[in-house]
């Protein structure tokens, strides 16, 4: 699994923020899915992790759509 490499153009943040987050959630993506998410994150000026985290948290706060059972 390829790890996200530090980029000189990545936004910097206080070290105290990174120390507070200790839980890890691994997600498998197809290369084109990762590229699409990474591009969206870059266009917003955030890291891929920040983009995925904020998107997931925002989505978690909305009611789930029920699947049709028939």
Protein backbone atom coordinates (compact mmCIF):
# COMPACT_ATOMS: atom_id res chain seq x y z
CA UNK A 1 0.00 0.00 0.00
CA UNK A 2 1.48 3.29 -1.06
CA UNK A 3 1.73 5.83 1.74
CA UNK A 4 1.02 9.50 1.23
CA UNK A 5 4.37 11.27 0.91
CA UNK A 6 5.07 14.65 2.47
CA UNK A 7 4.77 17.37 -0.13
CA UNK A 8 6.42 20.76 0.11
CA UNK A 9 3.15 22.35 -1.08
CA UNK A 10 1.05 20.62 1.61
CA UNK A 11 -0.52 22.98 4.14
CA UNK A 12 1.24 23.10 7.49
CA UNK A 13 -0.62 22.75 10.78
CA UNK A 14 0.32 22.86 14.43
CA UNK A 15 1.98 19.71 15.75
CA UNK A 16 -0.51 19.57 18.64
CA UNK A 17 -3.32 18.91 16.13
CA UNK A 18 -1.59 15.87 14.64
CA UNK A 19 -0.86 14.42 18.09
CA UNK A 20 -4.54 14.45 19.05
CA UNK A 21 -5.57 12.11 16.25
CA UNK A 22 -4.49 8.58 17.10
CA UNK A 23 -7.18 6.31 15.60
CA UNK A 24 -6.40 4.92 12.16
CA UNK A 25 -8.97 3.81 9.58
CA UNK A 26 -7.61 2.09 6.49
CA UNK A 27 -9.58 2.43 3.25
CA UNK A 28 -8.82 0.66 -0.01
CA UNK A 29 -9.38 2.64 -3.18
CA UNK A 30 -8.79 2.07 -6.84
CA UNK A 31 -5.96 4.27 -8.17
CA UNK A 32 -8.37 6.47 -10.12
CA UNK A 33 -10.56 6.92 -7.02
CA UNK A 34 -7.56 8.04 -4.97
CA UNK A 35 -6.45 10.41 -7.75
CA UNK A 36 -9.92 11.95 -7.94
CA UNK A 37 -10.07 12.50 -4.16
CA UNK A 38 -6.51 13.83 -4.05
CA UNK A 39 -7.29 16.35 -6.81
CA UNK A 40 -10.41 17.50 -4.97
CA UNK A 41 -8.39 17.91 -1.77
CA UNK A 42 -5.64 19.89 -3.56
CA UNK A 43 -8.19 22.19 -5.17
CA UNK A 44 -9.51 23.00 -1.69
CA UNK A 45 -6.04 23.47 -0.21
CA UNK A 46 -6.28 20.59 2.27
CA UNK A 47 -4.57 17.23 2.64
CA UNK A 48 -6.18 14.06 1.37
CA UNK A 49 -6.71 12.91 4.97
CA UNK A 50 -8.41 16.18 5.92
CA UNK A 51 -10.63 16.03 2.85
CA UNK A 52 -11.75 12.43 3.47
CA UNK A 53 -12.22 13.03 7.21
CA UNK A 54 -14.34 16.16 6.77
CA UNK A 55 -16.41 14.55 3.98
CA UNK A 56 -17.09 11.45 6.06
CA UNK A 57 -17.97 13.42 9.19
CA UNK A 58 -20.28 15.73 7.23
CA UNK A 59 -22.00 12.71 5.62
CA UNK A 60 -22.32 10.91 8.96
CA UNK A 61 -24.42 13.82 10.22
CA UNK A 62 -27.06 13.35 7.51
CA UNK A 63 -29.89 10.80 7.69
CA UNK A 64 -29.14 7.49 5.97
CA UNK A 65 -31.09 6.66 2.84
CA UNK A 66 -33.05 3.46 3.32
CA UNK A 67 -32.46 0.72 0.77
CA UNK A 68 -35.53 -0.53 -1.09
CA UNK A 69 -36.40 -3.99 0.12
CA UNK A 70 -38.34 -5.06 -2.85
